[in-house]
Structures are given as structure tokens and as C-alpha cells.
């Protein structure tokens, strides 16, 4: 195996070590797997590819967030409902 040195921000290294301990792996194993996936074409570093949708999908998968819903649509619907409710409340106050 080839030994190499890379420069990483200390904050990332600390978080990686903590996560690696929790998952019973080493940071070296994680880096080897990620690099192998990138070389094989399974991991892309192209930020233009997929853009926001890809990031949202990754965030949902990582956090378990509403995988079956589009958050933008959900928020727009919620806001519309709140606006309608506010209008009804304002109208009710005027009728008193």
C-alpha cells in the first residue's frame, strides 16, 4: 500500500474521526473507499451535475427528511394556507 499525505481542515478531520469511531471504521478506510468510488466513476465531483436537486436528495437521505415530498412545494402550499388563514382572521375581526 502507498502512504501519502493530504492537507485537510482540522474541523473536518475531528468530525471524521468522531464519525469513524461511531461507525467502527477508520478514516483511512473511508478515504480509500471514497477514492476507489471516485476512480470507478461511482462518485462525481462535478458540482454542475444534478445541482440543487442532487443536494436535496442527499440531504433527505442523510437526514431521513420527507423523501416522498418536494420541500419547495410543501413550503409554498403551507405559506398559501397561512396567508389564507391570516386573511380569514383579518376579515373576521372586521366583522365584529
PDB file of N, CA and C in Angstrom:
ATOM      1  N   UNK A   1       0.841  -1.168   0.000  1.00  0.00           N
ATOM      2  CA  UNK A   1       0.000   0.000   0.000  1.00  0.00           C
ATOM      3  C   UNK A   1       0.892   1.239   0.000  1.00  0.00           C
ATOM      4  N   UNK A   2       0.437   2.268  -0.712  1.00  0.00           N
ATOM      5  CA  UNK A   2       1.189   3.517  -0.807  1.00  0.00           C
ATOM      6  C   UNK A   2       0.760   4.478   0.303  1.00  0.00           C
ATOM      7  N   UNK A   3       1.708   5.065   0.981  1.00  0.00           N
ATOM      8  CA  UNK A   3       1.423   6.054   2.031  1.00  0.00           C
ATOM      9  C   UNK A   3       1.503   7.441   1.401  1.00  0.00           C
ATOM     10  N   UNK A   4       0.521   8.271   1.703  1.00  0.00           N
ATOM     11  CA  UNK A   4       0.514   9.628   1.178  1.00  0.00           C
ATOM     12  C   UNK A   4       0.048  10.611   2.250  1.00  0.00           C
ATOM     13  N   UNK A   5       0.312  11.867   2.026  1.00  0.00           N
ATOM     14  CA  UNK A   5      -0.082  12.912   2.967  1.00  0.00           C
ATOM     15  C   UNK A   5      -1.013  13.881   2.255  1.00  0.00           C
ATOM     16  N   UNK A   6      -2.108  14.243   2.913  1.00  0.00           N
ATOM     17  CA  UNK A   6      -3.019  15.240   2.361  1.00  0.00           C
ATOM     18  C   UNK A   6      -3.286  16.296   3.431  1.00  0.00           C
ATOM     19  N   UNK A   7      -3.623  17.490   2.987  1.00  0.00           N
ATOM     20  CA  UNK A   7      -3.949  18.582   3.902  1.00  0.00           C
ATOM     21  C   UNK A   7      -5.469  18.727   3.978  1.00  0.00           C
ATOM     22  N   UNK A   8      -5.987  18.660   5.197  1.00  0.00           N
ATOM     23  CA  UNK A   8      -7.422  18.788   5.429  1.00  0.00           C
ATOM     24  C   UNK A   8      -7.667  19.789   6.549  1.00  0.00           C
ATOM     25  N   UNK A   9      -8.795  20.490   6.499  1.00  0.00           N
ATOM     26  CA  UNK A   9      -9.125  21.378   7.612  1.00  0.00           C
ATOM     27  C   UNK A   9      -9.293  20.574   8.902  1.00  0.00           C
ATOM     28  N   UNK A  10      -8.784  21.109   9.988  1.00  0.00           N
ATOM     29  CA  UNK A  10      -8.821  20.412  11.281  1.00  0.00           C
ATOM     30  C   UNK A  10     -10.248  20.056  11.692  1.00  0.00           C
ATOM     31  N   UNK A  11     -11.193  20.951  11.422  1.00  0.00           N
ATOM     32  CA  UNK A  11     -12.583  20.684  11.823  1.00  0.00           C
ATOM     33  C   UNK A  11     -13.144  19.448  11.123  1.00  0.00           C
ATOM     34  N   UNK A  12     -12.791  19.261   9.859  1.00  0.00           N
ATOM     35  CA  UNK A  12     -13.269  18.085   9.125  1.00  0.00           C
ATOM     36  C   UNK A  12     -12.619  16.823   9.679  1.00  0.00           C
ATOM     37  N   UNK A  13     -11.330  16.910   9.966  1.00  0.00           N
ATOM     38  CA  UNK A  13     -10.612  15.744  10.500  1.00  0.00           C
ATOM     39  C   UNK A  13     -11.231  15.308  11.832  1.00  0.00           C
ATOM     40  N   UNK A  14     -11.495  16.259  12.706  1.00  0.00           N
ATOM     41  CA  UNK A  14     -12.078  15.920  14.006  1.00  0.00           C
ATOM     42  C   UNK A  14     -13.456  15.278  13.853  1.00  0.00           C
ATOM     43  N   UNK A  15     -14.302  15.871  13.005  1.00  0.00           N
ATOM     44  CA  UNK A  15     -15.644  15.299  12.789  1.00  0.00           C
ATOM     45  C   UNK A  15     -15.561  13.923  12.138  1.00  0.00           C
ATOM     46  N   UNK A  16     -14.609  13.755  11.217  1.00  0.00           N
ATOM     47  CA  UNK A  16     -14.428  12.458  10.552  1.00  0.00           C
ATOM     48  C   UNK A  16     -13.985  11.388  11.547  1.00  0.00           C
ATOM     49  N   UNK A  17     -13.085  11.759  12.441  1.00  0.00           N
ATOM     50  CA  UNK A  17     -12.611  10.794  13.451  1.00  0.00           C
ATOM     51  C   UNK A  17     -13.750  10.371  14.376  1.00  0.00           C
ATOM     52  N   UNK A  18     -14.555  11.318  14.788  1.00  0.00           N
ATOM     53  CA  UNK A  18     -15.683  11.004  15.672  1.00  0.00           C
ATOM     54  C   UNK A  18     -16.673  10.090  14.961  1.00  0.00           C
ATOM     55  N   UNK A  19     -17.006  10.441  13.724  1.00  0.00           N
ATOM     56  CA  UNK A  19     -17.956   9.607  12.969  1.00  0.00           C
ATOM     57  C   UNK A  19     -17.375   8.217  12.709  1.00  0.00           C
ATOM     58  N   UNK A  20     -16.101   8.160  12.396  1.00  0.00           N
ATOM     59  CA  UNK A  20     -15.455   6.865  12.142  1.00  0.00           C
ATOM     60  C   UNK A  20     -15.498   5.987  13.391  1.00  0.00           C
ATOM     61  N   UNK A  21     -15.241   6.578  14.543  1.00  0.00           N
ATOM     62  CA  UNK A  21     -15.330   5.814  15.795  1.00  0.00           C
ATOM     63  C   UNK A  21     -16.741   5.270  16.017  1.00  0.00           C
ATOM     64  N   UNK A  22     -17.724   6.108  15.759  1.00  0.00           N
ATOM     65  CA  UNK A  22     -19.119   5.684  15.943  1.00  0.00           C
ATOM     66  C   UNK A  22     -19.501   4.550  15.005  1.00  0.00           C
ATOM     67  N   UNK A  23     -18.932   4.574  13.805  1.00  0.00           N
ATOM     68  CA  UNK A  23     -19.275   3.563  12.802  1.00  0.00           C
ATOM     69  C   UNK A  23     -18.275   2.411  12.746  1.00  0.00           C
ATOM     70  N   UNK A  24     -17.331   2.415  13.689  1.00  0.00           N
ATOM     71  CA  UNK A  24     -16.352   1.330  13.809  1.00  0.00           C
ATOM     72  C   UNK A  24     -15.533   1.111  12.528  1.00  0.00           C
ATOM     73  N   UNK A  25     -15.086   2.220  11.939  1.00  0.00           N
ATOM     74  CA  UNK A  25     -14.191   2.185  10.784  1.00  0.00           C
ATOM     75  C   UNK A  25     -13.069   3.190  11.049  1.00  0.00           C
ATOM     76  N   UNK A  26     -12.061   3.175  10.205  1.00  0.00           N
ATOM     77  CA  UNK A  26     -11.008   4.176  10.321  1.00  0.00           C
ATOM     78  C   UNK A  26     -11.219   5.240   9.244  1.00  0.00           C
ATOM     79  N   UNK A  27     -10.668   6.407   9.498  1.00  0.00           N
ATOM     80  CA  UNK A  27     -10.747   7.471   8.498  1.00  0.00           C
ATOM     81  C   UNK A  27     -10.024   7.015   7.228  1.00  0.00           C
ATOM     82  N   UNK A  28      -8.949   6.271   7.376  1.00  0.00           N
ATOM     83  CA  UNK A  28      -8.226   5.749   6.205  1.00  0.00           C
ATOM     84  C   UNK A  28      -9.115   4.848   5.354  1.00  0.00           C
ATOM     85  N   UNK A  29      -9.907   3.993   6.008  1.00  0.00           N
ATOM     86  CA  UNK A  29     -10.825   3.123   5.262  1.00  0.00           C
ATOM     87  C   UNK A  29     -11.845   3.944   4.481  1.00  0.00           C
ATOM     88  N   UNK A  30     -12.374   4.966   5.131  1.00  0.00           N
ATOM     89  CA  UNK A  30     -13.361   5.828   4.470  1.00  0.00           C
ATOM     90  C   UNK A  30     -12.736   6.500   3.252  1.00  0.00           C
ATOM     91  N   UNK A  31     -11.546   7.058   3.426  1.00  0.00           N
ATOM     92  CA  UNK A  31     -10.872   7.737   2.316  1.00  0.00           C
ATOM     93  C   UNK A  31     -10.558   6.771   1.175  1.00  0.00           C
ATOM     94  N   UNK A  32     -10.107   5.556   1.518  1.00  0.00           N
ATOM     95  CA  UNK A  32      -9.835   4.558   0.473  1.00  0.00           C
ATOM     96  C   UNK A  32     -11.097   4.214  -0.297  1.00  0.00           C
ATOM     97  N   UNK A  33     -12.206   4.010   0.420  1.00  0.00           N
ATOM     98  CA  UNK A  33     -13.472   3.658  -0.238  1.00  0.00           C
ATOM     99  C   UNK A  33     -13.981   4.798  -1.121  1.00  0.00           C
ATOM    100  N   UNK A  34     -13.904   6.027  -0.601  1.00  0.00           N
ATOM    101  CA  UNK A  34     -14.351   7.172  -1.393  1.00  0.00           C
ATOM    102  C   UNK A  34     -13.493   7.368  -2.635  1.00  0.00           C
ATOM    103  N   UNK A  35     -12.192   7.253  -2.482  1.00  0.00           N
ATOM    104  CA  UNK A  35     -11.299   7.410  -3.622  1.00  0.00           C
ATOM    105  C   UNK A  35     -11.519   6.301  -4.653  1.00  0.00           C
ATOM    106  N   UNK A  36     -11.725   5.081  -4.179  1.00  0.00           N
ATOM    107  CA  UNK A  36     -11.997   3.964  -5.100  1.00  0.00           C
ATOM    108  C   UNK A  36     -13.307   4.197  -5.846  1.00  0.00           C
ATOM    109  N   UNK A  37     -14.311   4.704  -5.151  1.00  0.00           N
ATOM    110  CA  UNK A  37     -15.593   5.001  -5.798  1.00  0.00           C
ATOM    111  C   UNK A  37     -15.473   6.100  -6.834  1.00  0.00           C
ATOM    112  N   UNK A  38     -14.661   7.103  -6.534  1.00  0.00           N
ATOM    113  CA  UNK A  38     -14.444   8.190  -7.482  1.00  0.00           C
ATOM    114  C   UNK A  38     -13.713   7.692  -8.726  1.00  0.00           C
ATOM    115  N   UNK A  39     -12.669   6.888  -8.522  1.00  0.00           N
ATOM    116  CA  UNK A  39     -11.903   6.344  -9.647  1.00  0.00           C
ATOM    117  C   UNK A  39     -12.790   5.448 -10.519  1.00  0.00           C
ATOM    118  N   UNK A  40     -13.681   4.688  -9.872  1.00  0.00           N
ATOM    119  CA  UNK A  40     -14.566   3.785 -10.619  1.00  0.00           C
ATOM    120  C   UNK A  40     -15.701   4.531 -11.321  1.00  0.00           C
ATOM    121  N   UNK A  41     -15.864   5.813 -11.013  1.00  0.00           N
ATOM    122  CA  UNK A  41     -16.930   6.585 -11.642  1.00  0.00           C
ATOM    123  C   UNK A  41     -18.237   6.563 -10.876  1.00  0.00           C
ATOM    124  N   UNK A  42     -18.251   5.952  -9.696  1.00  0.00           N
ATOM    125  CA  UNK A  42     -19.460   5.892  -8.888  1.00  0.00           C
ATOM    126  C   UNK A  42     -19.730   7.206  -8.164  1.00  0.00           C
ATOM    127  N   UNK A  43     -18.688   8.007  -7.965  1.00  0.00           N
ATOM    128  CA  UNK A  43     -18.792   9.284  -7.270  1.00  0.00           C
ATOM    129  C   UNK A  43     -18.309  10.371  -8.215  1.00  0.00           C
ATOM    130  N   UNK A  44     -19.127  11.426  -8.366  1.00  0.00           N
ATOM    131  CA  UNK A  44     -18.764  12.531  -9.243  1.00  0.00           C
ATOM    132  C   UNK A  44     -18.474  13.775  -8.421  1.00  0.00           C
ATOM    133  N   UNK A  45     -17.476  14.518  -8.805  1.00  0.00           N
ATOM    134  CA  UNK A  45     -17.150  15.767  -8.138  1.00  0.00           C
ATOM    135  C   UNK A  45     -17.673  16.961  -8.921  1.00  0.00           C
ATOM    136  N   UNK A  46     -18.356  16.719 -10.023  1.00  0.00           N
ATOM    137  CA  UNK A  46     -18.896  17.779 -10.872  1.00  0.00           C
ATOM    138  C   UNK A  46     -20.089  18.421 -10.187  1.00  0.00           C
ATOM    139  N   UNK A  47     -19.917  19.642  -9.707  1.00  0.00           N
ATOM    140  CA  UNK A  47     -20.982  20.316  -8.960  1.00  0.00           C
ATOM    141  C   UNK A  47     -22.138  20.742  -9.857  1.00  0.00           C
ATOM    142  N   UNK A  48     -21.926  20.865 -11.141  1.00  0.00           N
ATOM    143  CA  UNK A  48     -22.997  21.262 -12.058  1.00  0.00           C
ATOM    144  C   UNK A  48     -23.954  20.111 -12.326  1.00  0.00           C
ATOM    145  N   UNK A  49     -23.509  18.902 -12.126  1.00  0.00           N
ATOM    146  CA  UNK A  49     -24.305  17.730 -12.446  1.00  0.00           C
ATOM    147  C   UNK A  49     -25.343  17.479 -11.362  1.00  0.00           C
ATOM    148  N   UNK A  50     -26.604  17.702 -11.667  1.00  0.00           N
ATOM    149  CA  UNK A  50     -27.663  17.472 -10.699  1.00  0.00           C
ATOM    150  C   UNK A  50     -27.966  18.678  -9.836  1.00  0.00           C
ATOM    151  N   UNK A  51     -26.992  19.509  -9.607  1.00  0.00           N
ATOM    152  CA  UNK A  51     -27.162  20.747  -8.875  1.00  0.00           C
ATOM    153  C   UNK A  51     -27.926  20.625  -7.582  1.00  0.00           C
ATOM    154  N   UNK A  52     -28.908  21.502  -7.414  1.00  0.00           N
ATOM    155  CA  UNK A  52     -29.665  21.595  -6.172  1.00  0.00           C
ATOM    156  C   UNK A  52     -30.452  20.317  -5.890  1.00  0.00           C
ATOM    157  N   UNK A  53     -31.052  19.727  -6.914  1.00  0.00           N
ATOM    158  CA  UNK A  53     -31.857  18.517  -6.709  1.00  0.00           C
ATOM    159  C   UNK A  53     -31.025  17.383  -6.125  1.00  0.00           C
ATOM    160  N   UNK A  54     -29.796  17.260  -6.581  1.00  0.00           N
ATOM    161  CA  UNK A  54     -28.921  16.217  -6.072  1.00  0.00           C
ATOM    162  C   UNK A  54     -28.584  16.471  -4.607  1.00  0.00           C
ATOM    163  N   UNK A  55     -28.324  17.728  -4.264  1.00  0.00           N
ATOM    164  CA  UNK A  55     -28.020  18.076  -2.884  1.00  0.00           C
ATOM    165  C   UNK A  55     -29.223  17.832  -1.984  1.00  0.00           C
ATOM    166  N   UNK A  56     -30.403  18.185  -2.467  1.00  0.00           N
ATOM    167  CA  UNK A  56     -31.619  17.961  -1.681  1.00  0.00           C
ATOM    168  C   UNK A  56     -31.837  16.468  -1.465  1.00  0.00           C
ATOM    169  N   UNK A  57     -31.636  15.673  -2.506  1.00  0.00           N
ATOM    170  CA  UNK A  57     -31.807  14.224  -2.382  1.00  0.00           C
ATOM    171  C   UNK A  57     -30.810  13.641  -1.383  1.00  0.00           C
ATOM    172  N   UNK A  58     -29.569  14.106  -1.435  1.00  0.00           N
ATOM    173  CA  UNK A  58     -28.563  13.627  -0.486  1.00  0.00           C
ATOM    174  C   UNK A  58     -28.912  14.046   0.942  1.00  0.00           C
ATOM    175  N   UNK A  59     -29.373  15.264   1.101  1.00  0.00           N
ATOM    176  CA  UNK A  59     -29.752  15.741   2.434  1.00  0.00           C
ATOM    177  C   UNK A  59     -30.921  14.944   2.980  1.00  0.00           C
ATOM    178  N   UNK A  60     -31.900  14.663   2.129  1.00  0.00           N
ATOM    179  CA  UNK A  60     -33.052  13.876   2.570  1.00  0.00           C
ATOM    180  C   UNK A  60     -32.624  12.481   2.977  1.00  0.00           C
ATOM    181  N   UNK A  61     -31.749  11.881   2.188  1.00  0.00           N
ATOM    182  CA  UNK A  61     -31.290  10.527   2.503  1.00  0.00           C
ATOM    183  C   UNK A  61     -30.492  10.523   3.807  1.00  0.00           C
ATOM    184  N   UNK A  62     -29.668  11.537   3.997  1.00  0.00           N
ATOM    185  CA  UNK A  62     -28.836  11.592   5.194  1.00  0.00           C
ATOM    186  C   UNK A  62     -29.647  11.900   6.445  1.00  0.00           C
ATOM    187  N   UNK A  63     -30.645  12.726   6.305  1.00  0.00           N
ATOM    188  CA  UNK A  63     -31.423  13.171   7.458  1.00  0.00           C
ATOM    189  C   UNK A  63     -32.776  12.476   7.575  1.00  0.00           C
ATOM    190  N   UNK A  64     -33.132  11.661   6.592  1.00  0.00           N
ATOM    191  CA  UNK A  64     -34.429  10.989   6.623  1.00  0.00           C
ATOM    192  C   UNK A  64     -35.589  11.950   6.430  1.00  0.00           C
ATOM    193  N   UNK A  65     -35.361  13.017   5.694  1.00  0.00           N
ATOM    194  CA  UNK A  65     -36.373  14.047   5.527  1.00  0.00           C
ATOM    195  C   UNK A  65     -37.258  13.757   4.332  1.00  0.00           C
ATOM    196  N   UNK A  66     -38.519  13.667   4.552  1.00  0.00           N
ATOM    197  CA  UNK A  66     -39.566  13.649   3.532  1.00  0.00           C
ATOM    198  C   UNK A  66     -39.100  13.208   2.156  1.00  0.00           C
ATOM    199  N   UNK A  67     -38.614  12.015   2.050  1.00  0.00           N
ATOM    200  CA  UNK A  67     -38.108  11.530   0.770  1.00  0.00           C
ATOM    201  C   UNK A  67     -39.193  11.509  -0.294  1.00  0.00           C
ATOM    202  N   UNK A  68     -40.455  11.439   0.139  1.00  0.00           N
ATOM    203  CA  UNK A  68     -41.559  11.348  -0.811  1.00  0.00           C
ATOM    204  C   UNK A  68     -42.148  12.708  -1.177  1.00  0.00           C
ATOM    205  N   UNK A  69     -41.602  13.816  -0.672  1.00  0.00           N
ATOM    206  CA  UNK A  69     -42.163  15.148  -0.934  1.00  0.00           C
ATOM    207  C   UNK A  69     -41.110  16.095  -1.474  1.00  0.00           C
ATOM    208  N   UNK A  70     -41.584  17.060  -2.231  1.00  0.00           N
ATOM    209  CA  UNK A  70     -40.714  18.153  -2.659  1.00  0.00           C
ATOM    210  C   UNK A  70     -40.864  19.258  -1.625  1.00  0.00           C
ATOM    211  N   UNK A  71     -39.805  19.600  -0.940  1.00  0.00           N
ATOM    212  CA  UNK A  71     -39.882  20.573   0.149  1.00  0.00           C
ATOM    213  C   UNK A  71     -40.317  21.942  -0.334  1.00  0.00           C
ATOM    214  N   UNK A  72     -39.909  22.343  -1.524  1.00  0.00           N
ATOM    215  CA  UNK A  72     -40.315  23.650  -2.041  1.00  0.00           C
ATOM    216  C   UNK A  72     -41.827  23.725  -2.226  1.00  0.00           C
ATOM    217  N   UNK A  73     -42.413  22.666  -2.807  1.00  0.00           N
ATOM    218  CA  UNK A  73     -43.870  22.631  -2.978  1.00  0.00           C
ATOM    219  C   UNK A  73     -44.570  22.618  -1.635  1.00  0.00           C
ATOM    220  N   UNK A  74     -44.049  21.854  -0.701  1.00  0.00           N
ATOM    221  CA  UNK A  74     -44.653  21.765   0.627  1.00  0.00           C
ATOM    222  C   UNK A  74     -44.653  23.130   1.311  1.00  0.00           C
ATOM    223  N   UNK A  75     -43.523  23.829   1.247  1.00  0.00           N
ATOM    224  CA  UNK A  75     -43.435  25.153   1.873  1.00  0.00           C
ATOM    225  C   UNK A  75     -44.352  26.159   1.189  1.00  0.00           C
ATOM    226  N   UNK A  76     -44.430  26.116  -0.132  1.00  0.00           N
ATOM    227  CA  UNK A  76     -45.317  27.041  -0.853  1.00  0.00           C
ATOM    228  C   UNK A  76     -46.770  26.794  -0.477  1.00  0.00           C
ATOM    229  N   UNK A  77     -47.171  25.534  -0.393  1.00  0.00           N
ATOM    230  CA  UNK A  77     -48.540  25.193  -0.003  1.00  0.00           C
ATOM    231  C   UNK A  77     -48.817  25.641   1.425  1.00  0.00           C
ATOM    232  N   UNK A  78     -47.860  25.428   2.316  1.00  0.00           N
ATOM    233  CA  UNK A  78     -48.022  25.839   3.711  1.00  0.00           C
ATOM    234  C   UNK A  78     -48.174  27.350   3.818  1.00  0.00           C
ATOM    235  N   UNK A  79     -47.340  28.065   3.091  1.00  0.00           N
ATOM    236  CA  UNK A  79     -47.422  29.529   3.126  1.00  0.00           C
ATOM    237  C   UNK A  79     -48.747  30.024   2.577  1.00  0.00           C
ATOM    238  N   UNK A  80     -49.220  29.392   1.500  1.00  0.00           N
ATOM    239  CA  UNK A  80     -50.504  29.790   0.915  1.00  0.00           C
ATOM    240  C   UNK A  80     -51.627  29.561   1.922  1.00  0.00           C
ATOM    241  N   UNK A  81     -51.565  28.430   2.629  1.00  0.00           N
ATOM    242  CA  UNK A  81     -52.577  28.138   3.646  1.00  0.00           C
ATOM    243  C   UNK A  81     -52.533  29.141   4.789  1.00  0.00           C
ATOM    244  N   UNK A  82     -51.359  29.533   5.198  1.00  0.00           N
ATOM    245  CA  UNK A  82     -51.219  30.525   6.268  1.00  0.00           C
ATOM    246  C   UNK A  82     -51.717  31.890   5.825  1.00  0.00           C
ATOM    247  N   UNK A  83     -51.441  32.256   4.581  1.00  0.00           N
ATOM    248  CA  UNK A  83     -51.920  33.533   4.051  1.00  0.00           C
ATOM    249  C   UNK A  83     -53.437  33.562   4.028  1.00  0.00           C
ATOM    250  N   UNK A  84     -54.042  32.462   3.586  1.00  0.00           N
ATOM    251  CA  UNK A  84     -55.499  32.367   3.548  1.00  0.00           C
ATOM    252  C   UNK A  84     -56.067  32.462   4.964  1.00  0.00           C
ATOM    253  N   UNK A  85     -55.452  31.797   5.897  1.00  0.00           N
ATOM    254  CA  UNK A  85     -55.907  31.843   7.291  1.00  0.00           C
ATOM    255  C   UNK A  85     -55.795  33.249   7.867  1.00  0.00           C
ATOM    256  N   UNK A  86     -54.679  33.925   7.576  1.00  0.00           N
ATOM    257  CA  UNK A  86     -54.500  35.298   8.045  1.00  0.00           C
ATOM    258  C   UNK A  86     -55.578  36.216   7.478  1.00  0.00           C
ATOM    259  N   UNK A  87     -55.907  36.022   6.202  1.00  0.00           N
ATOM    260  CA  UNK A  87     -56.952  36.838   5.575  1.00  0.00           C
ATOM    261  C   UNK A  87     -58.316  36.571   6.219  1.00  0.00           C
ATOM    262  N   UNK A  88     -58.597  35.317   6.522  1.00  0.00           N
ATOM    263  CA  UNK A  88     -59.865  34.964   7.173  1.00  0.00           C
ATOM    264  C   UNK A  88     -59.941  35.581   8.575  1.00  0.00           C
ATOM    265  N   UNK A  89     -58.830  35.547   9.311  1.00  0.00           N
ATOM    266  CA  UNK A  89     -58.799  36.141  10.651  1.00  0.00           C
ATOM    267  C   UNK A  89     -58.995  37.661  10.594  1.00  0.00           C
ATOM    268  N   UNK A  90     -58.330  38.296   9.631  1.00  0.00           N
ATOM    269  CA  UNK A  90     -58.462  39.729   9.495  1.00  0.00           C
ATOM    270  C   UNK A  90     -59.909  40.101   9.135  1.00  0.00           C
ATOM    271  N   UNK A  91     -60.513  39.314   8.250  1.00  0.00           N
ATOM    272  CA  UNK A  91     -61.898  39.536   7.844  1.00  0.00           C
ATOM    273  C   UNK A  91     -62.838  39.337   9.026  1.00  0.00           C
ATOM    274  N   UNK A  92     -62.606  38.322   9.848  1.00  0.00           N
ATOM    275  CA  UNK A  92     -63.443  38.042  10.998  1.00  0.00           C
ATOM    276  C   UNK A  92     -63.368  39.177  12.022  1.00  0.00           C
ATOM    277  N   UNK A  93     -62.209  39.759  12.177  1.00  0.00           N
ATOM    278  CA  UNK A  93     -62.031  40.857  13.117  1.00  0.00           C
ATOM    279  C   UNK A  93     -62.807  42.092  12.660  1.00  0.00           C
ATOM    280  N   UNK A  94     -62.853  42.303  11.367  1.00  0.00           N
ATOM    281  CA  UNK A  94     -63.561  43.449  10.847  1.00  0.00           C
ATOM    282  C   UNK A  94     -65.076  43.299  10.954  1.00  0.00           C
ATOM    283  N   UNK A  95     -65.560  42.048  10.958  1.00  0.00           N
ATOM    284  CA  UNK A  95     -66.998  41.788  11.014  1.00  0.00           C
ATOM    285  C   UNK A  95     -67.555  41.947  12.417  1.00  0.00           C
ATOM    286  N   UNK A  96     -66.713  42.045  13.415  1.00  0.00           N
ATOM    287  CA  UNK A  96     -67.167  42.099  14.808  1.00  0.00           C
ATOM    288  C   UNK A  96     -67.816  43.369  15.155  1.00  0.00           C
TER     289      UNK A  96
END
